Amino acid sequence: MKKEEKQRNVEILMGELKDATGIYLVDFTGLNAQEFRKLRSMMRSQNIKIKVIKNIIARMTLERLNLKNLLKFLEGPTAVSYSYEDPILPSKILKDFSKEKEVVIKGGIVDGSFFSSEEIKELAIIPSREVLLQRLLFALSNPLQRLRNTLCYPIQNITGVLTQLSKKQS
């Protein structure tokens, strides 16, 4: 690869990674082309990108983006997966896919923080943001409903007593 072509590829990759909220380096050893296409399709359906890159291109890009913590993972076949929306979703998809075929997440950056392979596996277990918000809303609303019921119960009793008294008087 000529120097100008390398430089162009670095510029393209920098443009794609600079605004990403989640960046993962993946070892895809053992995947054939059809299996990698399936993984790419799973990623694409969730608006996540994954591409195979040469380590020299990745190294130059990561150095320019000041993501030097990831440089130690640039050995062997490397794919980079990145997302602009949900930074944890790529790890979930990779975890699910690795149940069928082994795919190893080497390391990653999530919202600007470095995570090792083991830490990313733990992140993949965390429910999605929407699920966590639903759980929080339920946890907050349940005590409020109990309080409302507690406050309304005496009023309902009084209403019942008044209704019975009015029936007796009639």
N, C-alpha and C. Protein backbone atom coordinates (compact mmCIF):
# COMPACT_ATOMS: atom_id res chain seq x y z
N MET A 1 0.85 -1.17 0.00
CA MET A 1 0.00 0.00 0.00
C MET A 1 0.89 1.24 0.00
N LYS A 2 0.62 2.13 -0.89
CA LYS A 2 1.41 3.35 -1.00
C LYS A 2 1.11 4.30 0.15
N LYS A 3 2.06 5.18 0.40
CA LYS A 3 1.95 6.12 1.51
C LYS A 3 0.70 7.00 1.38
N GLU A 4 0.41 7.47 0.15
CA GLU A 4 -0.76 8.33 -0.05
C GLU A 4 -2.05 7.56 0.23
N GLU A 5 -2.09 6.30 -0.17
CA GLU A 5 -3.28 5.48 0.07
C GLU A 5 -3.46 5.21 1.56
N LYS A 6 -2.36 4.94 2.26
CA LYS A 6 -2.43 4.76 3.71
C LYS A 6 -2.97 6.02 4.38
N GLN A 7 -2.43 7.14 3.95
CA GLN A 7 -2.84 8.43 4.52
C GLN A 7 -4.32 8.67 4.29
N ARG A 8 -4.81 8.36 3.10
CA ARG A 8 -6.23 8.54 2.77
C ARG A 8 -7.09 7.62 3.64
N ASN A 9 -6.66 6.36 3.80
CA ASN A 9 -7.40 5.41 4.64
C ASN A 9 -7.42 5.84 6.10
N VAL A 10 -6.32 6.41 6.58
CA VAL A 10 -6.26 6.92 7.95
C VAL A 10 -7.24 8.08 8.12
N GLU A 11 -7.27 8.98 7.16
CA GLU A 11 -8.17 10.13 7.23
C GLU A 11 -9.64 9.68 7.23
N ILE A 12 -9.96 8.69 6.41
CA ILE A 12 -11.33 8.17 6.35
C ILE A 12 -11.70 7.55 7.69
N LEU A 13 -10.82 6.70 8.23
CA LEU A 13 -11.11 6.04 9.50
C LEU A 13 -11.19 7.05 10.64
N MET A 14 -10.33 8.05 10.62
CA MET A 14 -10.40 9.10 11.65
C MET A 14 -11.75 9.81 11.61
N GLY A 15 -12.21 10.11 10.41
CA GLY A 15 -13.51 10.77 10.26
C GLY A 15 -14.65 9.92 10.80
N GLU A 16 -14.53 8.61 10.64
CA GLU A 16 -15.59 7.72 11.12
C GLU A 16 -15.53 7.51 12.63
N LEU A 17 -14.33 7.48 13.21
CA LEU A 17 -14.19 7.16 14.63
C LEU A 17 -14.25 8.37 15.55
N LYS A 18 -14.01 9.57 15.04
CA LYS A 18 -13.89 10.73 15.93
C LYS A 18 -15.18 11.03 16.69
N ASP A 19 -16.34 10.75 16.12
CA ASP A 19 -17.62 11.03 16.79
C ASP A 19 -18.27 9.78 17.37
N ALA A 20 -17.59 8.64 17.29
CA ALA A 20 -18.16 7.39 17.80
C ALA A 20 -18.22 7.40 19.32
N THR A 21 -19.30 6.89 19.87
CA THR A 21 -19.44 6.81 21.33
C THR A 21 -18.88 5.49 21.87
N GLY A 22 -18.82 4.49 21.02
CA GLY A 22 -18.26 3.19 21.41
C GLY A 22 -17.39 2.66 20.29
N ILE A 23 -16.14 2.31 20.63
CA ILE A 23 -15.20 1.75 19.66
C ILE A 23 -14.64 0.46 20.23
N TYR A 24 -14.73 -0.62 19.46
CA TYR A 24 -14.27 -1.92 19.92
C TYR A 24 -13.31 -2.52 18.90
N LEU A 25 -12.20 -3.09 19.39
CA LEU A 25 -11.30 -3.84 18.54
C LEU A 25 -11.61 -5.31 18.72
N VAL A 26 -11.79 -6.01 17.61
CA VAL A 26 -12.29 -7.38 17.64
C VAL A 26 -11.34 -8.30 16.89
N ASP A 27 -11.07 -9.47 17.48
CA ASP A 27 -10.31 -10.53 16.81
C ASP A 27 -11.34 -11.46 16.19
N PHE A 28 -11.34 -11.55 14.88
CA PHE A 28 -12.32 -12.36 14.18
C PHE A 28 -11.72 -13.64 13.62
N THR A 29 -10.59 -14.07 14.15
CA THR A 29 -9.93 -15.29 13.70
C THR A 29 -10.92 -16.45 13.76
N GLY A 30 -10.97 -17.22 12.72
CA GLY A 30 -11.86 -18.38 12.69
C GLY A 30 -13.17 -18.14 11.98
N LEU A 31 -13.48 -16.89 11.66
CA LEU A 31 -14.70 -16.59 10.91
C LEU A 31 -14.41 -16.65 9.43
N ASN A 32 -15.26 -17.34 8.70
CA ASN A 32 -15.12 -17.30 7.24
C ASN A 32 -15.89 -16.07 6.72
N ALA A 33 -15.82 -15.84 5.42
CA ALA A 33 -16.43 -14.64 4.84
C ALA A 33 -17.94 -14.59 5.08
N GLN A 34 -18.61 -15.73 4.98
CA GLN A 34 -20.06 -15.76 5.17
C GLN A 34 -20.43 -15.42 6.62
N GLU A 35 -19.68 -15.94 7.56
CA GLU A 35 -19.95 -15.66 8.97
C GLU A 35 -19.69 -14.19 9.30
N PHE A 36 -18.62 -13.64 8.71
CA PHE A 36 -18.34 -12.22 8.95
C PHE A 36 -19.43 -11.35 8.33
N ARG A 37 -19.95 -11.76 7.17
CA ARG A 37 -21.06 -11.02 6.56
C ARG A 37 -22.29 -11.05 7.46
N LYS A 38 -22.53 -12.19 8.09
CA LYS A 38 -23.67 -12.31 9.01
C LYS A 38 -23.49 -11.37 10.20
N LEU A 39 -22.27 -11.33 10.75
CA LEU A 39 -21.99 -10.41 11.85
C LEU A 39 -22.16 -8.97 11.40
N ARG A 40 -21.65 -8.63 10.24
CA ARG A 40 -21.78 -7.27 9.70
C ARG A 40 -23.26 -6.91 9.52
N SER A 41 -24.04 -7.86 9.05
CA SER A 41 -25.47 -7.64 8.85
C SER A 41 -26.18 -7.38 10.18
N MET A 42 -25.82 -8.17 11.20
CA MET A 42 -26.40 -7.96 12.53
C MET A 42 -26.06 -6.56 13.04
N MET A 43 -24.83 -6.15 12.83
CA MET A 43 -24.39 -4.83 13.27
C MET A 43 -25.11 -3.73 12.48
N ARG A 44 -25.16 -3.89 11.19
CA ARG A 44 -25.76 -2.87 10.32
C ARG A 44 -27.23 -2.66 10.67
N SER A 45 -27.93 -3.75 11.04
CA SER A 45 -29.35 -3.63 11.37
C SER A 45 -29.58 -2.75 12.60
N GLN A 46 -28.53 -2.58 13.41
CA GLN A 46 -28.63 -1.74 14.61
C GLN A 46 -27.87 -0.41 14.44
N ASN A 47 -27.54 -0.08 13.19
CA ASN A 47 -26.82 1.16 12.87
C ASN A 47 -25.42 1.20 13.50
N ILE A 48 -24.76 0.04 13.47
CA ILE A 48 -23.39 -0.09 13.99
C ILE A 48 -22.52 -0.53 12.82
N LYS A 49 -21.30 -0.03 12.80
CA LYS A 49 -20.39 -0.39 11.72
C LYS A 49 -19.31 -1.32 12.24
N ILE A 50 -18.86 -2.22 11.38
CA ILE A 50 -17.72 -3.08 11.67
C ILE A 50 -16.96 -3.24 10.38
N LYS A 51 -15.64 -3.10 10.47
CA LYS A 51 -14.82 -3.26 9.28
C LYS A 51 -13.46 -3.83 9.66
N VAL A 52 -12.92 -4.61 8.75
CA VAL A 52 -11.59 -5.16 8.91
C VAL A 52 -10.61 -4.08 8.49
N ILE A 53 -9.60 -3.88 9.32
CA ILE A 53 -8.60 -2.86 9.01
C ILE A 53 -7.20 -3.43 9.19
N LYS A 54 -6.28 -2.86 8.45
CA LYS A 54 -4.88 -3.23 8.63
C LYS A 54 -4.40 -2.60 9.93
N ASN A 55 -3.58 -3.34 10.66
CA ASN A 55 -3.10 -2.84 11.94
C ASN A 55 -2.31 -1.54 11.81
N ILE A 56 -1.57 -1.36 10.74
CA ILE A 56 -0.80 -0.13 10.56
C ILE A 56 -1.73 1.07 10.39
N ILE A 57 -2.85 0.87 9.68
CA ILE A 57 -3.84 1.94 9.51
C ILE A 57 -4.49 2.24 10.85
N ALA A 58 -4.85 1.18 11.57
CA ALA A 58 -5.47 1.36 12.89
C ALA A 58 -4.51 2.07 13.83
N ARG A 59 -3.25 1.67 13.82
CA ARG A 59 -2.26 2.27 14.71
C ARG A 59 -2.12 3.78 14.43
N MET A 60 -1.98 4.13 13.18
CA MET A 60 -1.84 5.54 12.82
C MET A 60 -3.08 6.34 13.21
N THR A 61 -4.26 5.74 12.99
CA THR A 61 -5.53 6.42 13.33
C THR A 61 -5.67 6.61 14.83
N LEU A 62 -5.43 5.55 15.59
CA LEU A 62 -5.58 5.62 17.05
C LEU A 62 -4.59 6.59 17.66
N GLU A 63 -3.38 6.65 17.12
CA GLU A 63 -2.40 7.62 17.63
C GLU A 63 -2.87 9.05 17.37
N ARG A 64 -3.40 9.30 16.19
CA ARG A 64 -3.86 10.66 15.87
C ARG A 64 -5.09 11.06 16.68
N LEU A 65 -5.94 10.07 17.01
CA LEU A 65 -7.13 10.36 17.81
C LEU A 65 -6.83 10.33 19.31
N ASN A 66 -5.57 10.10 19.66
CA ASN A 66 -5.13 10.02 21.05
C ASN A 66 -5.86 8.91 21.82
N LEU A 67 -6.03 7.78 21.17
CA LEU A 67 -6.63 6.60 21.80
C LEU A 67 -5.54 5.53 21.96
N LYS A 68 -4.47 5.91 22.60
CA LYS A 68 -3.28 5.07 22.68
C LYS A 68 -3.47 3.82 23.54
N ASN A 69 -4.48 3.81 24.41
CA ASN A 69 -4.74 2.62 25.22
C ASN A 69 -5.08 1.41 24.37
N LEU A 70 -5.60 1.64 23.16
CA LEU A 70 -6.00 0.54 22.29
C LEU A 70 -4.85 -0.02 21.46
N LEU A 71 -3.73 0.67 21.42
CA LEU A 71 -2.62 0.25 20.56
C LEU A 71 -2.11 -1.15 20.90
N LYS A 72 -2.14 -1.51 22.17
CA LYS A 72 -1.61 -2.82 22.58
C LYS A 72 -2.44 -3.99 22.04
N PHE A 73 -3.63 -3.71 21.54
CA PHE A 73 -4.48 -4.78 21.01
C PHE A 73 -4.34 -4.98 19.51
N LEU A 74 -3.45 -4.25 18.90
CA LEU A 74 -3.29 -4.34 17.45
C LEU A 74 -2.31 -5.43 17.06
N GLU A 75 -2.66 -6.65 17.38
CA GLU A 75 -1.89 -7.81 16.97
C GLU A 75 -2.85 -8.81 16.36
N GLY A 76 -2.43 -9.42 15.28
CA GLY A 76 -3.28 -10.40 14.61
C GLY A 76 -4.40 -9.72 13.85
N PRO A 77 -5.31 -10.52 13.31
CA PRO A 77 -6.44 -9.96 12.55
C PRO A 77 -7.29 -9.05 13.44
N THR A 78 -7.59 -7.87 12.94
CA THR A 78 -8.34 -6.90 13.74
C THR A 78 -9.46 -6.30 12.91
N ALA A 79 -10.63 -6.25 13.54
CA ALA A 79 -11.76 -5.51 12.99
C ALA A 79 -12.10 -4.44 14.01
N VAL A 80 -12.60 -3.34 13.52
CA VAL A 80 -13.04 -2.28 14.42
C VAL A 80 -14.55 -2.14 14.27
N SER A 81 -15.22 -2.11 15.41
CA SER A 81 -16.67 -1.93 15.44
C SER A 81 -16.94 -0.64 16.20
N TYR A 82 -17.86 0.16 15.69
CA TYR A 82 -18.13 1.43 16.35
C TYR A 82 -19.58 1.84 16.15
N SER A 83 -20.03 2.62 17.14
CA SER A 83 -21.42 3.08 17.15
C SER A 83 -21.45 4.56 17.49
N TYR A 84 -22.44 5.23 16.93
CA TYR A 84 -22.60 6.66 17.22
C TYR A 84 -23.73 6.90 18.22
N GLU A 85 -24.57 5.90 18.45
CA GLU A 85 -25.74 6.09 19.31
C GLU A 85 -25.54 5.40 20.66
N ASP A 86 -25.79 4.12 20.72
CA ASP A 86 -25.66 3.36 21.96
C ASP A 86 -24.25 2.78 22.03
N PRO A 87 -23.41 3.26 22.94
CA PRO A 87 -22.02 2.81 22.97
C PRO A 87 -21.85 1.36 23.42
N ILE A 88 -22.84 0.79 24.09
CA ILE A 88 -22.72 -0.56 24.61
C ILE A 88 -23.32 -1.60 23.67
N LEU A 89 -24.17 -1.19 22.76
CA LEU A 89 -24.85 -2.13 21.86
C LEU A 89 -23.90 -3.00 21.05
N PRO A 90 -22.78 -2.49 20.53
CA PRO A 90 -21.87 -3.39 19.80
C PRO A 90 -21.37 -4.55 20.66
N SER A 91 -21.10 -4.28 21.93
CA SER A 91 -20.62 -5.36 22.81
C SER A 91 -21.70 -6.41 23.02
N LYS A 92 -22.97 -6.00 23.08
CA LYS A 92 -24.07 -6.95 23.23
C LYS A 92 -24.20 -7.83 21.98
N ILE A 93 -24.11 -7.21 20.81
CA ILE A 93 -24.22 -7.97 19.57
C ILE A 93 -23.05 -8.93 19.43
N LEU A 94 -21.85 -8.47 19.74
CA LEU A 94 -20.67 -9.34 19.67
C LEU A 94 -20.77 -10.50 20.66
N LYS A 95 -21.31 -10.22 21.85
CA LYS A 95 -21.49 -11.27 22.85
C LYS A 95 -22.49 -12.31 22.35
N ASP A 96 -23.60 -11.85 21.79
CA ASP A 96 -24.61 -12.77 21.26
C ASP A 96 -24.05 -13.59 20.09
N PHE A 97 -23.32 -12.92 19.21
CA PHE A 97 -22.74 -13.62 18.06
C PHE A 97 -21.70 -14.64 18.49
N SER A 98 -20.98 -14.35 19.56
CA SER A 98 -19.92 -15.27 20.01
C SER A 98 -20.49 -16.56 20.59
N LYS A 99 -21.80 -16.61 20.80
CA LYS A 99 -22.42 -17.87 21.22
C LYS A 99 -22.42 -18.87 20.07
N GLU A 100 -22.51 -18.35 18.83
CA GLU A 100 -22.48 -19.20 17.64
C GLU A 100 -21.05 -19.48 17.20
N LYS A 101 -20.29 -18.43 17.04
CA LYS A 101 -18.90 -18.51 16.59
C LYS A 101 -18.06 -17.63 17.48
N GLU A 102 -16.88 -18.10 17.83
CA GLU A 102 -16.05 -17.34 18.75
C GLU A 102 -15.51 -16.07 18.10
N VAL A 103 -15.83 -14.97 18.73
CA VAL A 103 -15.32 -13.66 18.37
C VAL A 103 -14.80 -13.06 19.66
N VAL A 104 -13.58 -12.54 19.65
CA VAL A 104 -12.97 -12.03 20.87
C VAL A 104 -12.87 -10.51 20.78
N ILE A 105 -13.45 -9.85 21.77
CA ILE A 105 -13.30 -8.41 21.87
C ILE A 105 -11.98 -8.17 22.59
N LYS A 106 -11.07 -7.50 21.92
CA LYS A 106 -9.74 -7.25 22.48
C LYS A 106 -9.76 -6.14 23.52
N GLY A 107 -10.52 -5.10 23.26
CA GLY A 107 -10.61 -3.94 24.13
C GLY A 107 -11.47 -2.89 23.47
N GLY A 108 -11.73 -1.82 24.19
CA GLY A 108 -12.58 -0.80 23.59
C GLY A 108 -12.60 0.50 24.36
N ILE A 109 -13.22 1.46 23.75
CA ILE A 109 -13.43 2.78 24.34
C ILE A 109 -14.94 3.01 24.34
N VAL A 110 -15.50 3.30 25.52
CA VAL A 110 -16.93 3.58 25.65
C VAL A 110 -17.07 4.96 26.29
N ASP A 111 -17.67 5.87 25.55
CA ASP A 111 -17.85 7.26 26.00
C ASP A 111 -16.55 7.85 26.53
N GLY A 112 -15.45 7.59 25.82
CA GLY A 112 -14.16 8.18 26.17
C GLY A 112 -13.36 7.43 27.22
N SER A 113 -13.91 6.37 27.80
CA SER A 113 -13.20 5.60 28.83
C SER A 113 -12.74 4.26 28.26
N PHE A 114 -11.53 3.87 28.60
CA PHE A 114 -10.96 2.62 28.14
C PHE A 114 -11.52 1.45 28.94
N PHE A 115 -11.82 0.34 28.23
CA PHE A 115 -12.29 -0.87 28.88
C PHE A 115 -11.54 -2.07 28.32
N SER A 116 -11.15 -2.97 29.22
CA SER A 116 -10.48 -4.20 28.80
C SER A 116 -11.53 -5.19 28.30
N SER A 117 -11.07 -6.28 27.78
CA SER A 117 -11.96 -7.33 27.27
C SER A 117 -12.92 -7.83 28.35
N GLU A 118 -12.40 -8.06 29.54
CA GLU A 118 -13.24 -8.55 30.64
C GLU A 118 -14.28 -7.52 31.06
N GLU A 119 -13.89 -6.28 31.10
CA GLU A 119 -14.83 -5.21 31.49
C GLU A 119 -15.93 -5.05 30.44
N ILE A 120 -15.57 -5.23 29.18
CA ILE A 120 -16.57 -5.12 28.11
C ILE A 120 -17.57 -6.27 28.20
N LYS A 121 -17.11 -7.46 28.57
CA LYS A 121 -18.03 -8.59 28.77
C LYS A 121 -19.04 -8.26 29.86
N GLU A 122 -18.59 -7.57 30.90
CA GLU A 122 -19.50 -7.17 31.98
C GLU A 122 -20.48 -6.10 31.49
N LEU A 123 -19.99 -5.17 30.67
CA LEU A 123 -20.87 -4.13 30.12
C LEU A 123 -21.98 -4.73 29.26
N ALA A 124 -21.63 -5.80 28.54
CA ALA A 124 -22.61 -6.43 27.64
C ALA A 124 -23.79 -7.02 28.39
N ILE A 125 -23.61 -7.29 29.68
CA ILE A 125 -24.68 -7.88 30.49
C ILE A 125 -25.68 -6.82 30.95
N ILE A 126 -25.24 -5.59 31.03
CA ILE A 126 -26.10 -4.50 31.51
C ILE A 126 -27.28 -4.32 30.55
N PRO A 127 -28.49 -4.22 31.08
CA PRO A 127 -29.65 -3.98 30.21
C PRO A 127 -29.51 -2.65 29.46
N SER A 128 -30.27 -2.52 28.40
CA SER A 128 -30.22 -1.30 27.59
C SER A 128 -30.70 -0.09 28.40
N ARG A 129 -30.40 1.08 27.90
CA ARG A 129 -30.78 2.32 28.57
C ARG A 129 -32.29 2.40 28.76
N GLU A 130 -33.04 1.99 27.74
CA GLU A 130 -34.49 2.05 27.80
C GLU A 130 -35.03 1.15 28.92
N VAL A 131 -34.47 -0.05 29.03
CA VAL A 131 -34.91 -0.98 30.08
C VAL A 131 -34.59 -0.42 31.45
N LEU A 132 -33.39 0.16 31.60
CA LEU A 132 -33.02 0.74 32.89
C LEU A 132 -33.92 1.91 33.25
N LEU A 133 -34.28 2.73 32.27
CA LEU A 133 -35.19 3.86 32.54
C LEU A 133 -36.58 3.36 32.93
N GLN A 134 -37.05 2.29 32.28
CA GLN A 134 -38.35 1.71 32.65
C GLN A 134 -38.33 1.20 34.07
N ARG A 135 -37.24 0.53 34.44
CA ARG A 135 -37.12 0.00 35.81
C ARG A 135 -37.09 1.14 36.82
N LEU A 136 -36.38 2.21 36.50
CA LEU A 136 -36.31 3.35 37.39
C LEU A 136 -37.69 4.00 37.55
N LEU A 137 -38.39 4.16 36.45
CA LEU A 137 -39.72 4.75 36.48
C LEU A 137 -40.66 3.91 37.33
N PHE A 138 -40.61 2.58 37.17
CA PHE A 138 -41.46 1.70 37.96
C PHE A 138 -41.10 1.80 39.44
N ALA A 139 -39.79 1.82 39.73
CA ALA A 139 -39.35 1.90 41.13
C ALA A 139 -39.79 3.21 41.77
N LEU A 140 -39.80 4.28 40.99
CA LEU A 140 -40.23 5.57 41.53
C LEU A 140 -41.74 5.67 41.64
N SER A 141 -42.46 5.06 40.71
CA SER A 141 -43.92 5.21 40.72
C SER A 141 -44.59 4.28 41.73
N ASN A 142 -44.01 3.14 42.02
CA ASN A 142 -44.63 2.18 42.94
C ASN A 142 -44.84 2.78 44.33
N PRO A 143 -43.84 3.39 44.97
CA PRO A 143 -44.09 4.02 46.28
C PRO A 143 -45.11 5.15 46.20
N LEU A 144 -45.11 5.88 45.11
CA LEU A 144 -46.09 6.97 44.97
C LEU A 144 -47.51 6.42 44.88
N GLN A 145 -47.69 5.29 44.20
CA GLN A 145 -49.01 4.68 44.12
C GLN A 145 -49.46 4.19 45.50
N ARG A 146 -48.54 3.61 46.26
CA ARG A 146 -48.87 3.16 47.62
C ARG A 146 -49.28 4.35 48.49
N LEU A 147 -48.56 5.44 48.38
CA LEU A 147 -48.89 6.64 49.16
C LEU A 147 -50.26 7.15 48.76
N ARG A 148 -50.56 7.20 47.48
CA ARG A 148 -51.87 7.65 47.01
C ARG A 148 -52.96 6.75 47.57
N ASN A 149 -52.75 5.44 47.51
CA ASN A 149 -53.75 4.51 48.03
C ASN A 149 -53.95 4.67 49.54
N THR A 150 -52.85 4.88 50.25
CA THR A 150 -52.94 5.08 51.70
C THR A 150 -53.72 6.35 52.04
N LEU A 151 -53.47 7.39 51.27
CA LEU A 151 -54.17 8.65 51.52
C LEU A 151 -55.63 8.58 51.08
N CYS A 152 -55.93 7.84 50.04
CA CYS A 152 -57.29 7.76 49.53
C CYS A 152 -58.16 6.79 50.31
N TYR A 153 -57.56 5.81 50.96
CA TYR A 153 -58.34 4.79 51.66
C TYR A 153 -59.24 5.38 52.74
N PRO A 154 -58.73 6.26 53.61
CA PRO A 154 -59.64 6.84 54.62
C PRO A 154 -60.78 7.64 53.98
N ILE A 155 -60.51 8.32 52.89
CA ILE A 155 -61.55 9.10 52.21
C ILE A 155 -62.62 8.15 51.67
N GLN A 156 -62.21 7.02 51.13
CA GLN A 156 -63.17 6.04 50.62
C GLN A 156 -64.01 5.48 51.76
N ASN A 157 -63.36 5.25 52.92
CA ASN A 157 -64.11 4.76 54.08
C ASN A 157 -65.15 5.78 54.54
N ILE A 158 -64.74 7.02 54.60
CA ILE A 158 -65.68 8.07 55.02
C ILE A 158 -66.83 8.16 54.03
N THR A 159 -66.53 8.07 52.75
CA THR A 159 -67.56 8.12 51.72
C THR A 159 -68.53 6.96 51.91
N GLY A 160 -67.99 5.79 52.19
CA GLY A 160 -68.84 4.61 52.41
C GLY A 160 -69.74 4.78 53.63
N VAL A 161 -69.18 5.30 54.72
CA VAL A 161 -69.95 5.52 55.94
C VAL A 161 -71.05 6.55 55.70
N LEU A 162 -70.72 7.63 55.01
CA LEU A 162 -71.71 8.66 54.72
C LEU A 162 -72.82 8.12 53.82
N THR A 163 -72.47 7.28 52.88
CA THR A 163 -73.46 6.68 51.99
C THR A 163 -74.41 5.79 52.80
N GLN A 164 -73.87 5.00 53.70
CA GLN A 164 -74.71 4.12 54.53
C GLN A 164 -75.59 4.93 55.45
N LEU A 165 -75.07 6.02 56.03
CA LEU A 165 -75.87 6.87 56.91
C LEU A 165 -77.03 7.52 56.12
N SER A 166 -76.74 7.95 54.91
CA SER A 166 -77.80 8.57 54.12
C SER A 166 -78.86 7.55 53.75
N LYS A 167 -78.49 6.28 53.56
CA LYS A 167 -79.48 5.22 53.26
C LYS A 167 -80.35 4.94 54.47
N LYS A 168 -79.72 4.95 55.66
CA LYS A 168 -80.47 4.70 56.89
C LYS A 168 -81.48 5.82 57.15
N GLN A 169 -81.10 7.03 56.89
CA GLN A 169 -81.97 8.16 57.13
C GLN A 169 -83.10 8.22 56.11
N SER A 170 -82.91 7.63 54.96
CA SER A 170 -83.93 7.68 53.94
C SER A 170 -85.06 6.76 54.18
